[in-house]
Structures are given as structure tokens and as C-alpha cells.
Amino acid sequence: MSSIVKSNPKVKKHNNLTQAHFFNVSVIAYRLILLAGTDKFLENMLKSGENTYIRITAHDYHNLYGSSSDMSGSYKAIKDAPDDLLNAKLKYKRLKTESDPGRWVGGINWVQDARYNDELKCVEILFSTTVLPLLANVRKSFTYYNLRHIGRLSSMHSIRMYELMMMWRKSGKTPDLTVSYMKNFLGVPDNEYSDPKELKFFTAQVIKKSVKEVTSKTNIEMDFEVVRGEKRATIGYSFSHKLKALPEGEQPEQEELEDDNEGGGDPSKLLPNNDDDPELPF
């Protein structure tokens, strides 16, 4: 069976979506969301209309994420996917709108509908009407990368860490990011590592571990530094990356350019204030 997945599927999404607070998103669900959000799948969907389901077969999934010729894991992944996809959410804690006083607390679902067909061995996804415009035809302020580069990453923390680096791909480094910002960005629940005494475990078990996996399994090498405050307490992190050397004879990928000549994708314009409970823009 042929696969719709081309050799180098590209993901391009608005930085607001990249920085949003992920909640209850499994690795398999996010792999499928990213695959459905690649250029080839979106192009085919938009030709048929925005309310068209995006169909992903087990072969499509295995082509990107399979680690061997055995497809049993890929078949199981898409068969179990609908529940995970419907549970995957983006949350906001203190959303301010121009028309209303106060702030809103809530969230949205990544997908409006998700379903599986056992005879066809495929899953179909319909993106929510809020998410789709942040994935399709985005021309400014976007995060862009080849999905194949993260195909071997096994944790959400590592995938999100790679996306953080791609959001800052032009400069190759981030500014200082607070602990709260990183917990929200990586999708760490509020009740985990909430005690300042636990931050050394957050650094070792989440930050360091994901940086190590990104370096060992993707096309970039990462490094990070702990930002310390009074009494050398951990208050944040800064990250940097560089591309690994290409194998002899391999050509570098063509960079996706923004429509505006001034490079309007500067993520620093979207960063929240360094307070105790930053709102991730969405």
C-alpha cells in the first residue's frame, strides 16, 4: 500500500500555537496531530474544503515513526488514537480579551472529531476551527521544521524541546525562560515539581533528559544553562542549539521564508512576563 507521506514532510504553525499550554496530549496523539498538520495533508484537505477529514493510514504513521519493519505497533497506535486525540487540549489560565473585563480560564480541543476504521486501518482527523487557521497558510511568525527530524523522539518533553529550538532557529538560542514558562511549554502539570526543593529533579528528569534525547536523535545538538537567583536558587533556563554536520554529499534543507521582509517571526514578541504564573499567548 502506498503512503501519502512524502520524503520530507514539513510542519509550519503559528508561534502562538507553538507556545500554547498543552494539556493531556499523549505522544501518539501529538505525532498524529503533527502529521495531519504537514504541508501534504493540509494541501489535500484544503482542496476539498476546511470541513474535510484528514485520513492517516497505518502506513503513513509507520513511514514517519516506525522503528523497524514490524508494523504491529503502528497499527495499534492509530487504532487507539481517537480517544487520545479527543482528550488532547490547549489550555489558558488568564486570557485577556479586548471586549470583556476580567480574564478567561478555559481551553479548546486540538481536534473537533477523530475516528478509526479497522477495515481501512486508518484514522481520520478533523481539526478544530480555532486550531486550523494556526496551521494552514501561515505566512508570518511561524515555527517550521521537517517532521522526519523528530520521528525517533519518544517523549512529549523532547518533542516540545525540539519545537522550542525551532521557534528560535534564527538566533540559535533562547533568552532566559522562567521555570514556570518551561513547565507550561513542556506540558508539565502544575502539581508536579511545585516545591522549590524539587526543581533539581525537574532539571535532571525533564530538562536534561529531553535535551539529551534531542541531541542524540535529531539533526541538532542542544545545550542549556540553569539561571540562578538569590542563594543560587533555580529560577529558569536558557537553551542553545546548532545543526549537526551533514553527511558528505547531502544538501542542506531549503529554509522557509516569511512573507514580511523584516522577519516578523521573532518569538521574543510573544514571550510572557517573567512572573510566577505566566500566560502563554494563544
Protein backbone atom coordinates (compact mmCIF):
# COMPACT_ATOMS: atom_id res chain seq x y z
CA MET A 1 0.00 0.00 0.00
CA SER A 2 1.37 3.42 -0.95
CA SER A 3 1.70 6.22 1.58
CA ILE A 4 0.74 9.86 1.16
CA VAL A 5 3.72 10.88 3.30
CA LYS A 6 6.40 12.42 1.10
CA SER A 7 10.09 12.14 1.90
CA ASN A 8 10.39 15.40 3.85
CA PRO A 9 7.02 16.44 5.30
CA LYS A 10 7.13 19.96 6.72
CA VAL A 11 5.28 21.34 9.73
CA LYS A 12 4.59 25.08 9.80
CA LYS A 13 2.49 26.53 12.60
CA HIS A 14 1.97 29.93 14.12
CA ASN A 15 4.20 30.71 17.10
CA ASN A 16 1.11 31.36 19.22
CA LEU A 17 0.19 27.71 18.71
CA THR A 18 3.74 26.56 19.40
CA GLN A 19 3.76 28.45 22.71
CA ALA A 20 0.28 27.43 23.85
CA HIS A 21 -0.13 25.42 27.05
CA PHE A 22 -0.51 21.75 26.13
CA PHE A 23 -2.72 19.63 28.39
CA ASN A 24 -3.28 15.88 28.35
CA VAL A 25 -1.54 15.40 25.00
CA SER A 26 -0.03 11.94 24.50
CA VAL A 27 2.97 11.25 22.28
CA ILE A 28 0.86 9.26 19.81
CA ALA A 29 -1.85 11.95 19.65
CA TYR A 30 0.70 14.69 19.04
CA ARG A 31 2.52 12.62 16.43
CA LEU A 32 -0.76 12.29 14.54
CA ILE A 33 -1.63 15.97 15.02
CA LEU A 34 1.75 16.98 13.59
CA LEU A 35 1.46 14.52 10.72
CA ALA A 36 -2.03 15.78 9.87
CA GLY A 37 -0.64 19.32 10.03
CA THR A 38 2.13 18.75 7.47
CA ASP A 39 2.07 20.50 4.12
CA LYS A 40 0.95 17.50 2.06
CA PHE A 41 -2.02 16.55 4.23
CA LEU A 42 -3.16 20.16 4.67
CA GLU A 43 -2.88 20.89 0.94
CA ASN A 44 -5.08 17.91 0.11
CA MET A 45 -7.58 18.83 2.82
CA LEU A 46 -7.87 22.49 1.79
CA LYS A 47 -8.51 21.50 -1.82
CA SER A 48 -11.61 19.65 -0.62
CA GLY A 49 -12.73 22.21 1.97
CA GLU A 50 -11.90 23.06 5.57
CA ASN A 51 -14.51 20.63 6.94
CA THR A 52 -12.83 17.69 5.23
CA TYR A 53 -11.38 14.90 7.38
CA ILE A 54 -7.66 14.23 7.12
CA ARG A 55 -7.08 10.50 6.68
CA ILE A 56 -3.89 8.94 8.07
CA THR A 57 -3.20 5.27 7.43
CA ALA A 58 -1.06 2.95 9.50
CA HIS A 59 1.46 3.09 6.64
CA ASP A 60 1.57 6.89 6.83
CA TYR A 61 2.22 6.71 10.56
CA HIS A 62 4.82 3.95 10.24
CA ASN A 63 6.62 5.77 7.43
CA LEU A 64 7.43 8.60 9.85
CA TYR A 65 7.55 6.97 13.25
CA GLY A 66 8.18 3.26 12.75
CA SER A 67 11.47 1.96 14.15
CA SER A 68 11.51 -1.40 12.34
CA SER A 69 9.75 -3.30 9.55
CA ASP A 70 7.22 -4.64 12.08
CA MET A 71 4.07 -2.53 11.72
CA SER A 72 2.11 -4.00 14.64
CA GLY A 73 2.96 -1.03 16.85
CA SER A 74 1.77 1.43 14.21
CA TYR A 75 -1.50 -0.45 13.71
CA LYS A 76 -2.14 -0.35 17.45
CA ALA A 77 -1.18 3.32 17.68
CA ILE A 78 -3.76 4.53 15.20
CA LYS A 79 -6.42 2.10 16.46
CA ASP A 80 -6.14 3.52 19.98
CA ALA A 81 -5.67 7.11 18.79
CA PRO A 82 -9.22 8.59 18.70
CA ASP A 83 -9.63 8.75 22.49
CA ASP A 84 -6.20 10.34 22.92
CA LEU A 85 -6.89 12.83 20.13
CA LEU A 86 -10.23 13.87 21.60
CA ASN A 87 -8.66 14.32 25.04
CA ALA A 88 -5.79 16.48 23.73
CA LYS A 89 -6.32 20.11 24.75
CA LEU A 90 -4.81 23.56 24.71
CA LYS A 91 -5.44 25.48 27.92
CA TYR A 92 -5.24 29.08 29.02
CA LYS A 93 -5.33 30.41 32.57
CA ARG A 94 -5.58 34.18 32.29
CA LEU A 95 -6.73 35.07 28.78
CA LYS A 96 -7.46 38.78 28.32
CA THR A 97 -9.77 39.93 25.53
CA GLU A 98 -10.31 43.47 24.31
CA SER A 99 -14.09 43.37 24.59
CA ASP A 100 -14.56 41.87 28.07
CA PRO A 101 -13.46 42.85 31.58
CA GLY A 102 -11.57 40.31 33.68
CA ARG A 103 -9.73 37.28 32.38
CA TRP A 104 -10.90 33.96 30.97
CA VAL A 105 -9.89 30.50 32.17
CA GLY A 106 -10.53 27.59 29.82
CA GLY A 107 -9.27 25.73 26.80
CA ILE A 108 -10.02 24.16 23.45
CA ASN A 109 -9.61 20.77 21.84
CA TRP A 110 -6.98 20.21 19.19
CA VAL A 111 -9.45 18.25 17.08
CA GLN A 112 -13.17 18.53 16.56
CA ASP A 113 -13.57 14.89 15.60
CA ALA A 114 -11.43 11.75 15.42
CA ARG A 115 -12.44 8.29 14.23
CA TYR A 116 -10.88 4.94 13.31
CA ASN A 117 -11.81 2.39 10.62
CA ASP A 118 -10.48 -1.10 11.32
CA GLU A 119 -11.10 -2.39 7.79
CA LEU A 120 -9.20 0.53 6.22
CA LYS A 121 -6.63 0.60 9.05
CA CYS A 122 -6.77 4.37 9.19
CA VAL A 123 -7.69 7.23 11.50
CA GLU A 124 -9.47 10.38 10.34
CA ILE A 125 -8.98 13.77 12.00
CA LEU A 126 -10.97 16.99 11.76
CA PHE A 127 -9.09 19.93 13.28
CA SER A 128 -10.99 22.36 15.49
CA THR A 129 -11.95 25.65 13.85
CA THR A 130 -9.69 27.55 16.27
CA VAL A 131 -6.58 25.46 15.60
CA LEU A 132 -6.81 25.08 11.82
CA PRO A 133 -6.02 28.74 10.92
CA LEU A 134 -2.85 28.47 13.01
CA LEU A 135 -1.68 25.50 10.92
CA ALA A 136 -2.88 26.27 7.39
CA ASN A 137 -1.45 29.01 5.16
CA VAL A 138 0.56 30.62 7.97
CA ARG A 139 2.90 33.25 6.49
CA LYS A 140 4.23 35.16 9.49
CA SER A 141 5.51 34.37 12.98
CA PHE A 142 5.75 30.63 12.48
CA THR A 143 7.69 27.63 13.72
CA TYR A 144 8.88 25.47 10.83
CA TYR A 145 10.67 22.12 10.65
CA ASN A 146 10.96 18.78 8.88
CA LEU A 147 8.79 16.31 10.76
CA ARG A 148 11.16 13.47 9.94
CA HIS A 149 13.75 15.02 12.26
CA ILE A 150 11.64 14.23 15.34
CA GLY A 151 10.44 10.81 14.21
CA ARG A 152 12.62 8.97 16.74
CA LEU A 153 11.79 11.11 19.78
CA SER A 154 9.90 9.07 22.36
CA SER A 155 8.62 11.68 24.83
CA MET A 156 6.43 14.77 24.64
CA HIS A 157 9.04 16.72 26.60
CA SER A 158 11.65 16.01 23.93
CA ILE A 159 9.33 16.85 21.04
CA ARG A 160 8.37 20.13 22.68
CA MET A 161 12.01 20.90 23.44
CA TYR A 162 12.85 20.46 19.76
CA GLU A 163 9.98 22.78 18.86
CA LEU A 164 11.33 25.38 21.26
CA MET A 165 14.63 25.27 19.39
CA MET A 166 12.89 25.54 16.02
CA MET A 167 10.99 28.57 17.27
CA TRP A 168 14.39 30.17 17.94
CA ARG A 169 16.12 28.67 14.88
CA LYS A 170 17.24 32.05 13.51
CA SER A 171 19.22 33.06 16.60
CA GLY A 172 20.16 29.56 17.73
CA LYS A 173 19.47 30.43 21.36
CA THR A 174 16.67 31.48 23.67
CA PRO A 175 16.54 34.26 26.24
CA ASP A 176 16.27 33.28 29.90
CA LEU A 177 12.99 31.40 30.35
CA THR A 178 11.39 31.01 33.75
CA VAL A 179 10.73 27.65 35.38
CA SER A 180 7.00 28.36 35.13
CA TYR A 181 7.29 29.11 31.42
CA MET A 182 9.17 25.88 30.76
CA LYS A 183 6.73 23.77 32.78
CA ASN A 184 3.83 25.20 30.79
CA PHE A 185 5.64 24.87 27.47
CA LEU A 186 6.58 21.24 28.10
CA GLY A 187 3.11 20.37 29.40
CA VAL A 188 4.18 19.55 32.96
CA PRO A 189 1.14 19.59 35.31
CA ASP A 190 1.03 22.40 37.87
CA ASN A 191 1.17 19.98 40.79
CA GLU A 192 4.44 18.37 39.62
CA TYR A 193 7.76 19.83 40.78
CA SER A 194 5.77 22.56 42.55
CA ASP A 195 8.06 22.64 45.61
CA PRO A 196 11.26 24.68 45.03
CA LYS A 197 13.17 21.80 46.60
CA GLU A 198 12.02 19.60 43.69
CA LEU A 199 13.48 21.81 40.97
CA LYS A 200 16.72 19.84 40.89
CA PHE A 201 14.64 16.81 39.90
CA PHE A 202 12.80 18.85 37.25
CA THR A 203 16.17 19.91 35.85
CA ALA A 204 17.52 16.35 35.82
CA GLN A 205 14.41 14.37 34.90
CA VAL A 206 12.76 16.73 32.43
CA ILE A 207 15.14 19.41 31.14
CA LYS A 208 18.41 17.49 30.99
CA LYS A 209 16.80 14.25 29.84
CA SER A 210 14.90 15.87 26.97
CA VAL A 211 17.93 17.92 25.87
CA LYS A 212 19.96 14.70 25.77
CA GLU A 213 17.35 12.87 23.68
CA VAL A 214 17.02 15.76 21.22
CA THR A 215 20.79 15.81 20.77
CA SER A 216 21.08 12.06 20.29
CA LYS A 217 18.07 11.53 17.99
CA THR A 218 17.58 14.66 15.87
CA ASN A 219 19.52 16.88 13.47
CA ILE A 220 20.58 19.39 16.15
CA GLU A 221 22.88 19.48 19.17
CA MET A 222 21.42 21.17 22.23
CA ASP A 223 22.84 22.68 25.38
CA PHE A 224 21.32 24.53 28.32
CA GLU A 225 22.28 26.61 31.31
CA VAL A 226 20.48 26.97 34.63
CA VAL A 227 19.58 30.56 35.52
CA ARG A 228 20.00 31.15 39.23
CA GLY A 229 18.66 33.79 41.59
CA GLU A 230 19.20 34.53 45.25
CA LYS A 231 21.04 31.83 47.19
CA ARG A 232 21.68 30.14 43.83
CA ALA A 233 18.08 29.02 43.58
CA THR A 234 16.99 27.81 40.13
CA ILE A 235 14.73 30.43 38.56
CA GLY A 236 14.94 29.49 34.89
CA TYR A 237 16.90 28.15 31.96
CA SER A 238 18.45 29.29 28.71
CA PHE A 239 18.92 27.00 25.72
CA SER A 240 21.06 26.94 22.61
CA HIS A 241 21.42 24.66 19.61
CA LYS A 242 23.38 24.16 16.43
CA LEU A 243 22.85 21.98 13.39
CA LYS A 244 24.82 18.76 13.21
CA ALA A 245 27.25 18.36 10.34
CA LEU A 246 25.58 16.92 7.25
CA PRO A 247 26.78 13.59 5.83
CA GLU A 248 29.11 14.01 2.86
CA GLY A 249 27.17 14.83 -0.29
CA GLU A 250 23.92 15.75 1.48
CA GLN A 251 22.50 19.18 0.75
CA PRO A 252 21.08 21.47 3.47
CA GLU A 253 17.32 21.88 3.55
CA GLN A 254 15.81 24.96 1.97
CA GLU A 255 14.77 27.45 4.62
CA GLU A 256 11.13 28.52 4.70
CA LEU A 257 10.95 32.31 4.49
CA GLU A 258 8.34 34.63 5.93
CA ASP A 259 6.19 36.90 3.78
CA ASP A 260 7.39 40.03 5.55
CA ASN A 261 10.97 41.10 4.88
CA GLU A 262 11.57 42.21 8.45
CA GLY A 263 11.36 38.74 9.92
CA GLY A 264 8.13 39.12 11.86
CA GLY A 265 8.57 35.70 13.44
CA ASP A 266 10.68 36.97 16.33
CA PRO A 267 9.37 34.86 19.25
CA SER A 268 10.54 37.42 21.80
CA LYS A 269 7.48 39.48 20.88
CA LEU A 270 5.31 36.67 22.22
CA LEU A 271 7.11 35.87 25.45
CA PRO A 272 5.10 36.34 28.65
CA ASN A 273 6.32 38.39 31.55
CA ASN A 274 8.58 36.55 33.98
CA ASP A 275 6.03 36.34 36.73
CA ASP A 276 5.00 33.37 38.84
CA ASP A 277 2.12 32.36 36.61
CA PRO A 278 2.79 33.46 33.03
CA GLU A 279 0.02 33.27 30.48
CA LEU A 280 1.17 31.58 27.33
CA PRO A 281 -0.21 33.56 24.38
CA PHE A 282 -2.85 31.86 22.30
